[in-house]
Amino acid sequence: MRAWSLLLSALLFAHCTSPEGPARGTKQVYRSPELIVEQVTPNAFVHTSYKQTQDFGKVPCNGLVVRSGHEAIVFDTPTSDSSAAELIRWVQDSLHCRISAVIPTHFHDDCLGGLKAFHAGGIPTYAHLRTIALAAADSAEVPQRGFTDSFQLTVGNEQITATFHGEGHTKDNVVGYFPSEQVLFGGCLIKELGASKGYLGDANEAAWSGTVEAVKKAHPDVRVVVPGHGQVGNSKLLDYTIGLFGAQQ
């Protein structure tokens, strides 16, 4: 009987951590009218805030917090300074972490709308040089430090990367990767399953599919994929996005 119980536990664990999808332990750990935080792996948390749009209504916008030890790094800010301040407090009070960096993945305000709150807290911000230029041209809050192509940063005892694989949703979109837990933050370059093409005002539709192909090639072992809007998934989100824009090739 004990052997059967151990076998059943092993099978359940294997299923829950299958590379076909995120861990079944995904759970909501914080909620307020402006901000939701969900844990997707032991050390990765999706933060969701909201943006009111004319064409798509009230849109949920995702970002990612990753931690190691007592440090955390944030990909994309919440959409406002108030929701950003709320996220900062949650990271400090609930995770007991110092935020060592923020990386907006492109220049739209669903990625850096709350950047001023992070700057007010003395938290350094990094972005692709194109993002910095486009944010400045858009009269938005501008990230402090720039990089080209690929950027690596240490969080605690782990590494994260931010990489520009090509144009798609915008000319500057990068993706973030947390290798130790195989979590990819795709931002608005990656679509949730069943999504439409969404806002295309700054897009390069012809390049989009090829850019996501490059992302998929760079991260063949990815387990969890976080899109800029909508539900977290796995590598099927990459395939879906490639197919959605594939007709443009």
C-alpha atoms as a PDB file:
ATOM      1  CA  MET A   1       0.000   0.000   0.000  1.00  0.00           C
ATOM      2  CA  ARG A   2       2.830   2.370   0.853  1.00  0.00           C
ATOM      3  CA  ALA A   3       4.563   1.570  -2.456  1.00  0.00           C
ATOM      4  CA  TRP A   4       1.334   2.321  -4.354  1.00  0.00           C
ATOM      5  CA  SER A   5       0.968   5.644  -2.537  1.00  0.00           C
ATOM      6  CA  LEU A   6       4.532   6.617  -3.391  1.00  0.00           C
ATOM      7  CA  LEU A   7       3.981   5.682  -7.053  1.00  0.00           C
ATOM      8  CA  LEU A   8       0.759   7.694  -7.202  1.00  0.00           C
ATOM      9  CA  SER A   9       2.496  10.715  -5.639  1.00  0.00           C
ATOM     10  CA  ALA A  10       5.335  10.463  -8.143  1.00  0.00           C
ATOM     11  CA  LEU A  11       2.902  10.315 -11.068  1.00  0.00           C
ATOM     12  CA  LEU A  12       0.987  13.328  -9.792  1.00  0.00           C
ATOM     13  CA  PHE A  13       4.190  15.320  -9.328  1.00  0.00           C
ATOM     14  CA  ALA A  14       5.370  14.442 -12.846  1.00  0.00           C
ATOM     15  CA  HIS A  15       2.026  15.540 -14.266  1.00  0.00           C
ATOM     16  CA  CYS A  16       2.024  18.794 -12.340  1.00  0.00           C
ATOM     17  CA  THR A  17       5.510  19.732 -13.515  1.00  0.00           C
ATOM     18  CA  SER A  18       5.147  18.566 -17.096  1.00  0.00           C
ATOM     19  CA  PRO A  19       6.857  20.698 -19.765  1.00  0.00           C
ATOM     20  CA  GLU A  20       3.471  20.761 -21.526  1.00  0.00           C
ATOM     21  CA  GLY A  21       2.249  23.420 -19.116  1.00  0.00           C
ATOM     22  CA  PRO A  22       2.890  25.568 -16.064  1.00  0.00           C
ATOM     23  CA  ALA A  23       2.812  23.964 -12.645  1.00  0.00           C
ATOM     24  CA  ARG A  24      -0.709  23.194 -11.425  1.00  0.00           C
ATOM     25  CA  GLY A  25       0.135  25.046  -8.216  1.00  0.00           C
ATOM     26  CA  THR A  26      -0.494  28.440  -9.875  1.00  0.00           C
ATOM     27  CA  LYS A  27      -2.398  30.508  -7.333  1.00  0.00           C
ATOM     28  CA  GLN A  28      -3.539  34.031  -6.603  1.00  0.00           C
ATOM     29  CA  VAL A  29      -1.537  35.522  -3.739  1.00  0.00           C
ATOM     30  CA  TYR A  30      -2.736  39.146  -3.781  1.00  0.00           C
ATOM     31  CA  ARG A  31      -5.757  41.046  -5.049  1.00  0.00           C
ATOM     32  CA  SER A  32      -6.979  44.627  -4.897  1.00  0.00           C
ATOM     33  CA  PRO A  33      -9.131  46.748  -7.227  1.00  0.00           C
ATOM     34  CA  GLU A  34      -5.984  47.823  -9.124  1.00  0.00           C
ATOM     35  CA  LEU A  35      -3.638  44.851  -8.915  1.00  0.00           C
ATOM     36  CA  ILE A  36      -3.623  41.056  -8.938  1.00  0.00           C
ATOM     37  CA  VAL A  37      -0.565  38.888  -8.271  1.00  0.00           C
ATOM     38  CA  GLU A  38      -0.449  35.179  -9.119  1.00  0.00           C
ATOM     39  CA  GLN A  39       2.359  32.742  -8.344  1.00  0.00           C
ATOM     40  CA  VAL A  40       3.258  30.635 -11.395  1.00  0.00           C
ATOM     41  CA  THR A  41       6.403  28.878 -10.128  1.00  0.00           C
ATOM     42  CA  PRO A  42       8.081  28.893  -6.696  1.00  0.00           C
ATOM     43  CA  ASN A  43       9.942  32.131  -7.509  1.00  0.00           C
ATOM     44  CA  ALA A  44       7.991  33.760 -10.342  1.00  0.00           C
ATOM     45  CA  PHE A  45       4.851  35.877  -9.958  1.00  0.00           C
ATOM     46  CA  VAL A  46       2.638  37.434 -12.626  1.00  0.00           C
ATOM     47  CA  HIS A  47       1.342  40.903 -11.741  1.00  0.00           C
ATOM     48  CA  THR A  48      -1.773  42.125 -13.549  1.00  0.00           C
ATOM     49  CA  SER A  49      -3.064  45.689 -13.639  1.00  0.00           C
ATOM     50  CA  TYR A  50      -5.579  47.373 -15.931  1.00  0.00           C
ATOM     51  CA  LYS A  51      -5.686  49.879 -18.767  1.00  0.00           C
ATOM     52  CA  GLN A  52      -8.854  51.505 -20.095  1.00  0.00           C
ATOM     53  CA  THR A  53      -8.779  51.622 -23.901  1.00  0.00           C
ATOM     54  CA  GLN A  54     -11.135  53.007 -26.501  1.00  0.00           C
ATOM     55  CA  ASP A  55     -11.017  49.991 -28.823  1.00  0.00           C
ATOM     56  CA  PHE A  56     -10.703  47.049 -26.401  1.00  0.00           C
ATOM     57  CA  GLY A  57     -12.306  48.323 -23.183  1.00  0.00           C
ATOM     58  CA  LYS A  58     -10.686  47.593 -19.815  1.00  0.00           C
ATOM     59  CA  VAL A  59      -7.657  45.474 -20.639  1.00  0.00           C
ATOM     60  CA  PRO A  60      -5.707  43.349 -18.121  1.00  0.00           C
ATOM     61  CA  CYS A  61      -1.954  43.907 -18.549  1.00  0.00           C
ATOM     62  CA  ASN A  62       0.624  41.413 -17.303  1.00  0.00           C
ATOM     63  CA  GLY A  63       4.118  41.814 -15.930  1.00  0.00           C
ATOM     64  CA  LEU A  64       6.433  39.458 -14.079  1.00  0.00           C
ATOM     65  CA  VAL A  65       8.311  39.454 -10.772  1.00  0.00           C
ATOM     66  CA  VAL A  66      11.146  36.954 -10.305  1.00  0.00           C
ATOM     67  CA  ARG A  67      13.052  36.472  -7.074  1.00  0.00           C
ATOM     68  CA  SER A  68      16.124  34.738  -5.718  1.00  0.00           C
ATOM     69  CA  GLY A  69      17.068  35.047  -2.073  1.00  0.00           C
ATOM     70  CA  HIS A  70      16.129  38.535  -0.921  1.00  0.00           C
ATOM     71  CA  GLU A  71      16.288  40.178  -4.359  1.00  0.00           C
ATOM     72  CA  ALA A  72      13.633  40.597  -7.047  1.00  0.00           C
ATOM     73  CA  ILE A  73      13.514  41.881 -10.609  1.00  0.00           C
ATOM     74  CA  VAL A  74      10.372  43.177 -12.317  1.00  0.00           C
ATOM     75  CA  PHE A  75       9.570  42.879 -16.016  1.00  0.00           C
ATOM     76  CA  ASP A  76       7.105  45.629 -17.040  1.00  0.00           C
ATOM     77  CA  THR A  77       5.553  47.983 -14.529  1.00  0.00           C
ATOM     78  CA  PRO A  78       1.873  48.059 -13.625  1.00  0.00           C
ATOM     79  CA  THR A  79      -0.072  50.553 -15.723  1.00  0.00           C
ATOM     80  CA  SER A  80      -0.147  53.442 -13.234  1.00  0.00           C
ATOM     81  CA  ASP A  81       2.037  54.915 -10.537  1.00  0.00           C
ATOM     82  CA  SER A  82      -0.502  53.956  -7.857  1.00  0.00           C
ATOM     83  CA  SER A  83      -0.641  50.293  -8.902  1.00  0.00           C
ATOM     84  CA  ALA A  84       3.153  50.298  -9.266  1.00  0.00           C
ATOM     85  CA  ALA A  85       3.542  51.613  -5.718  1.00  0.00           C
ATOM     86  CA  GLU A  86       1.191  48.863  -4.585  1.00  0.00           C
ATOM     87  CA  LEU A  87       3.343  46.215  -6.287  1.00  0.00           C
ATOM     88  CA  ILE A  88       6.514  47.636  -4.727  1.00  0.00           C
ATOM     89  CA  ARG A  89       4.929  47.405  -1.269  1.00  0.00           C
ATOM     90  CA  TRP A  90       3.777  43.839  -1.918  1.00  0.00           C
ATOM     91  CA  VAL A  91       7.250  42.702  -3.013  1.00  0.00           C
ATOM     92  CA  GLN A  92       8.814  44.313   0.042  1.00  0.00           C
ATOM     93  CA  ASP A  93       6.213  43.248   2.612  1.00  0.00           C
ATOM     94  CA  SER A  94       5.166  39.806   1.319  1.00  0.00           C
ATOM     95  CA  LEU A  95       8.272  38.514  -0.463  1.00  0.00           C
ATOM     96  CA  HIS A  96      10.668  40.398   1.850  1.00  0.00           C
ATOM     97  CA  CYS A  97      12.731  41.281  -1.206  1.00  0.00           C
ATOM     98  CA  ARG A  98      14.550  44.324  -2.460  1.00  0.00           C
ATOM     99  CA  ILE A  99      13.703  45.166  -6.072  1.00  0.00           C
ATOM    100  CA  SER A 100      17.094  45.473  -7.742  1.00  0.00           C
ATOM    101  CA  ALA A 101      15.881  46.305 -11.274  1.00  0.00           C
ATOM    102  CA  VAL A 102      12.891  46.975 -13.496  1.00  0.00           C
ATOM    103  CA  ILE A 103      12.944  46.113 -17.207  1.00  0.00           C
ATOM    104  CA  PRO A 104      10.126  47.467 -19.421  1.00  0.00           C
ATOM    105  CA  THR A 105       9.844  45.217 -22.484  1.00  0.00           C
ATOM    106  CA  HIS A 106       8.682  47.994 -24.844  1.00  0.00           C
ATOM    107  CA  PHE A 107       7.699  51.638 -24.799  1.00  0.00           C
ATOM    108  CA  HIS A 108       3.883  51.449 -24.472  1.00  0.00           C
ATOM    109  CA  ASP A 109       2.317  52.574 -21.205  1.00  0.00           C
ATOM    110  CA  ASP A 110       1.127  49.066 -20.358  1.00  0.00           C
ATOM    111  CA  CYS A 111       4.848  48.334 -19.856  1.00  0.00           C
ATOM    112  CA  LEU A 112       6.182  51.520 -18.267  1.00  0.00           C
ATOM    113  CA  GLY A 113       3.104  53.422 -17.115  1.00  0.00           C
ATOM    114  CA  GLY A 114       4.191  53.041 -13.491  1.00  0.00           C
ATOM    115  CA  LEU A 115       7.895  53.695 -14.041  1.00  0.00           C
ATOM    116  CA  LYS A 116       7.876  56.965 -12.087  1.00  0.00           C
ATOM    117  CA  ALA A 117       6.945  55.098  -8.892  1.00  0.00           C
ATOM    118  CA  PHE A 118       9.989  52.850  -9.244  1.00  0.00           C
ATOM    119  CA  HIS A 119      12.249  55.832  -9.903  1.00  0.00           C
ATOM    120  CA  ALA A 120      10.809  57.564  -6.839  1.00  0.00           C
ATOM    121  CA  GLY A 121      11.827  54.514  -4.821  1.00  0.00           C
ATOM    122  CA  GLY A 122      15.389  54.668  -6.121  1.00  0.00           C
ATOM    123  CA  ILE A 123      14.984  51.447  -8.103  1.00  0.00           C
ATOM    124  CA  PRO A 124      17.193  51.272 -11.231  1.00  0.00           C
ATOM    125  CA  THR A 125      15.509  50.735 -14.587  1.00  0.00           C
ATOM    126  CA  TYR A 126      16.919  49.163 -17.746  1.00  0.00           C
ATOM    127  CA  ALA A 127      15.549  48.981 -21.288  1.00  0.00           C
ATOM    128  CA  HIS A 128      16.565  48.486 -24.871  1.00  0.00           C
ATOM    129  CA  LEU A 129      18.021  51.631 -26.399  1.00  0.00           C
ATOM    130  CA  ARG A 130      15.101  51.726 -28.836  1.00  0.00           C
ATOM    131  CA  THR A 131      12.665  51.688 -25.904  1.00  0.00           C
ATOM    132  CA  ILE A 132      14.447  54.619 -24.310  1.00  0.00           C
ATOM    133  CA  ALA A 133      14.324  56.623 -27.562  1.00  0.00           C
ATOM    134  CA  LEU A 134      10.666  55.789 -28.246  1.00  0.00           C
ATOM    135  CA  ALA A 135       9.599  56.566 -24.660  1.00  0.00           C
ATOM    136  CA  ALA A 136      11.364  59.935 -24.857  1.00  0.00           C
ATOM    137  CA  ALA A 137       9.656  60.710 -28.179  1.00  0.00           C
ATOM    138  CA  ASP A 138       6.321  59.751 -26.593  1.00  0.00           C
ATOM    139  CA  SER A 139       6.967  62.103 -23.624  1.00  0.00           C
ATOM    140  CA  ALA A 140       6.770  59.128 -21.263  1.00  0.00           C
ATOM    141  CA  GLU A 141       8.890  58.406 -18.194  1.00  0.00           C
ATOM    142  CA  VAL A 142      12.218  57.214 -19.586  1.00  0.00           C
ATOM    143  CA  PRO A 143      14.178  54.158 -18.340  1.00  0.00           C
ATOM    144  CA  GLN A 144      17.580  55.120 -16.971  1.00  0.00           C
ATOM    145  CA  ARG A 145      20.009  52.649 -18.549  1.00  0.00           C
ATOM    146  CA  GLY A 146      20.098  51.162 -22.009  1.00  0.00           C
ATOM    147  CA  PHE A 147      21.235  47.951 -23.659  1.00  0.00           C
ATOM    148  CA  THR A 148      21.356  46.526 -27.171  1.00  0.00           C
ATOM    149  CA  ASP A 149      20.380  43.038 -28.330  1.00  0.00           C
ATOM    150  CA  SER A 150      20.818  41.088 -25.085  1.00  0.00           C
ATOM    151  CA  PHE A 151      21.211  41.964 -21.421  1.00  0.00           C
ATOM    152  CA  GLN A 152      22.001  39.736 -18.434  1.00  0.00           C
ATOM    153  CA  LEU A 153      21.465  40.651 -14.815  1.00  0.00           C
ATOM    154  CA  THR A 154      21.948  38.788 -11.549  1.00  0.00           C
ATOM    155  CA  VAL A 155      19.046  38.410  -9.120  1.00  0.00           C
ATOM    156  CA  GLY A 156      20.209  36.823  -5.886  1.00  0.00           C
ATOM    157  CA  ASN A 157      22.060  33.678  -6.965  1.00  0.00           C
ATOM    158  CA  GLU A 158      20.363  33.408 -10.360  1.00  0.00           C
ATOM    159  CA  GLN A 159      20.548  35.089 -13.755  1.00  0.00           C
ATOM    160  CA  ILE A 160      17.832  36.696 -15.863  1.00  0.00           C
ATOM    161  CA  THR A 161      18.096  37.825 -19.469  1.00  0.00           C
ATOM    162  CA  ALA A 162      16.306  40.375 -21.610  1.00  0.00           C
ATOM    163  CA  THR A 163      16.751  39.873 -25.341  1.00  0.00           C
ATOM    164  CA  PHE A 164      15.694  41.613 -28.538  1.00  0.00           C
ATOM    165  CA  HIS A 165      14.932  38.933 -31.144  1.00  0.00           C
ATOM    166  CA  GLY A 166      13.412  41.236 -33.752  1.00  0.00           C
ATOM    167  CA  GLU A 167      10.412  43.463 -34.397  1.00  0.00           C
ATOM    168  CA  GLY A 168       6.799  42.400 -33.909  1.00  0.00           C
ATOM    169  CA  HIS A 169       4.300  44.155 -31.651  1.00  0.00           C
ATOM    170  CA  THR A 170       6.679  47.128 -31.712  1.00  0.00           C
ATOM    171  CA  LYS A 171      10.138  47.922 -33.075  1.00  0.00           C
ATOM    172  CA  ASP A 172      11.667  47.573 -29.593  1.00  0.00           C
ATOM    173  CA  ASN A 173       9.936  44.553 -28.007  1.00  0.00           C
ATOM    174  CA  VAL A 174      12.221  42.341 -25.901  1.00  0.00           C
ATOM    175  CA  VAL A 175      11.429  39.165 -23.970  1.00  0.00           C
ATOM    176  CA  GLY A 176      12.600  38.265 -20.470  1.00  0.00           C
ATOM    177  CA  TYR A 177      13.781  34.838 -19.344  1.00  0.00           C
ATOM    178  CA  PHE A 178      14.298  33.297 -15.893  1.00  0.00           C
ATOM    179  CA  PRO A 179      16.416  30.207 -16.716  1.00  0.00           C
ATOM    180  CA  SER A 180      16.375  28.487 -13.328  1.00  0.00           C
ATOM    181  CA  GLU A 181      12.584  28.035 -13.523  1.00  0.00           C
ATOM    182  CA  GLN A 182      12.258  28.108 -17.323  1.00  0.00           C
ATOM    183  CA  VAL A 183       9.848  31.053 -17.281  1.00  0.00           C
ATOM    184  CA  LEU A 184       9.582  33.275 -20.361  1.00  0.00           C
ATOM    185  CA  PHE A 185       7.985  36.705 -20.116  1.00  0.00           C
ATOM    186  CA  GLY A 186       6.899  37.317 -23.695  1.00  0.00           C
ATOM    187  CA  GLY A 187       5.153  40.613 -23.108  1.00  0.00           C
ATOM    188  CA  CYS A 188       2.960  41.893 -25.917  1.00  0.00           C
ATOM    189  CA  LEU A 189       5.042  40.060 -28.513  1.00  0.00           C
ATOM    190  CA  ILE A 190       3.324  36.841 -27.391  1.00  0.00           C
ATOM    191  CA  LYS A 191      -0.436  36.250 -27.564  1.00  0.00           C
ATOM    192  CA  GLU A 192      -2.569  34.128 -25.280  1.00  0.00           C
ATOM    193  CA  LEU A 193      -4.327  31.159 -26.905  1.00  0.00           C
ATOM    194  CA  GLY A 194      -7.334  32.303 -28.924  1.00  0.00           C
ATOM    195  CA  ALA A 195      -6.379  36.000 -28.872  1.00  0.00           C
ATOM    196  CA  SER A 196      -6.846  38.346 -31.802  1.00  0.00           C
ATOM    197  CA  LYS A 197      -3.955  40.331 -33.242  1.00  0.00           C
ATOM    198  CA  GLY A 198      -4.820  43.235 -30.948  1.00  0.00           C
ATOM    199  CA  TYR A 199      -3.376  46.724 -31.301  1.00  0.00           C
ATOM    200  CA  LEU A 200      -1.189  47.030 -34.425  1.00  0.00           C
ATOM    201  CA  GLY A 201      -0.485  50.771 -34.494  1.00  0.00           C
ATOM    202  CA  ASP A 202       3.263  50.311 -33.929  1.00  0.00           C
ATOM    203  CA  ALA A 203       3.587  46.748 -35.197  1.00  0.00           C
ATOM    204  CA  ASN A 204       5.711  45.081 -37.847  1.00  0.00           C
ATOM    205  CA  GLU A 205       3.308  42.308 -38.837  1.00  0.00           C
ATOM    206  CA  ALA A 206       5.585  40.945 -41.552  1.00  0.00           C
ATOM    207  CA  ALA A 207       8.417  40.344 -39.073  1.00  0.00           C
ATOM    208  CA  TRP A 208       6.306  39.189 -36.105  1.00  0.00           C
ATOM    209  CA  SER A 209       6.128  35.461 -36.850  1.00  0.00           C
ATOM    210  CA  GLY A 210       9.844  35.197 -37.620  1.00  0.00           C
ATOM    211  CA  THR A 211      10.706  37.028 -34.401  1.00  0.00           C
ATOM    212  CA  VAL A 212       8.694  34.563 -32.323  1.00  0.00           C
ATOM    213  CA  GLU A 213      10.349  31.688 -34.213  1.00  0.00           C
ATOM    214  CA  ALA A 214      13.671  33.117 -33.008  1.00  0.00           C
ATOM    215  CA  VAL A 215      12.351  33.282 -29.431  1.00  0.00           C
ATOM    216  CA  LYS A 216      11.242  29.642 -29.648  1.00  0.00           C
ATOM    217  CA  LYS A 217      14.621  28.548 -31.005  1.00  0.00           C
ATOM    218  CA  ALA A 218      16.458  30.423 -28.230  1.00  0.00           C
ATOM    219  CA  HIS A 219      14.350  28.805 -25.470  1.00  0.00           C
ATOM    220  CA  PRO A 220      13.541  25.213 -26.503  1.00  0.00           C
ATOM    221  CA  ASP A 221      13.063  24.061 -22.891  1.00  0.00           C
ATOM    222  CA  VAL A 222      10.684  26.811 -21.744  1.00  0.00           C
ATOM    223  CA  ARG A 223       7.959  25.563 -19.383  1.00  0.00           C
ATOM    224  CA  VAL A 224       5.942  28.678 -18.560  1.00  0.00           C
ATOM    225  CA  VAL A 225       5.128  31.463 -21.040  1.00  0.00           C
ATOM    226  CA  VAL A 226       3.579  34.725 -19.830  1.00  0.00           C
ATOM    227  CA  PRO A 227       1.899  36.868 -22.514  1.00  0.00           C
ATOM    228  CA  GLY A 228       1.442  40.609 -22.214  1.00  0.00           C
ATOM    229  CA  HIS A 229      -2.312  40.129 -21.877  1.00  0.00           C
ATOM    230  CA  GLY A 230      -4.375  37.140 -20.860  1.00  0.00           C
ATOM    231  CA  GLN A 231      -3.727  33.671 -19.517  1.00  0.00           C
ATOM    232  CA  VAL A 232      -0.343  32.149 -18.746  1.00  0.00           C
ATOM    233  CA  GLY A 233       0.506  29.049 -20.782  1.00  0.00           C
ATOM    234  CA  ASN A 234       3.398  27.095 -22.228  1.00  0.00           C
ATOM    235  CA  SER A 235       5.234  26.897 -25.561  1.00  0.00           C
ATOM    236  CA  LYS A 236       1.890  26.502 -27.334  1.00  0.00           C
ATOM    237  CA  LEU A 237       1.525  30.282 -26.953  1.00  0.00           C
ATOM    238  CA  LEU A 238       4.622  30.697 -29.114  1.00  0.00           C
ATOM    239  CA  ASP A 239       3.206  28.364 -31.752  1.00  0.00           C
ATOM    240  CA  TYR A 240      -0.156  30.134 -31.646  1.00  0.00           C
ATOM    241  CA  THR A 241       1.469  33.548 -32.142  1.00  0.00           C
ATOM    242  CA  ILE A 242       3.612  32.246 -34.999  1.00  0.00           C
ATOM    243  CA  GLY A 243       0.506  30.892 -36.708  1.00  0.00           C
ATOM    244  CA  LEU A 244      -1.538  34.033 -36.064  1.00  0.00           C
ATOM    245  CA  PHE A 245       0.967  36.185 -37.928  1.00  0.00           C
ATOM    246  CA  GLY A 246       2.359  33.499 -40.228  1.00  0.00           C
ATOM    247  CA  ALA A 247       0.158  34.531 -43.146  1.00  0.00           C
ATOM    248  CA  GLN A 248       2.128  37.782 -43.273  1.00  0.00           C
ATOM    249  CA  GLN A 249       5.316  35.944 -44.357  1.00  0.00           C
END
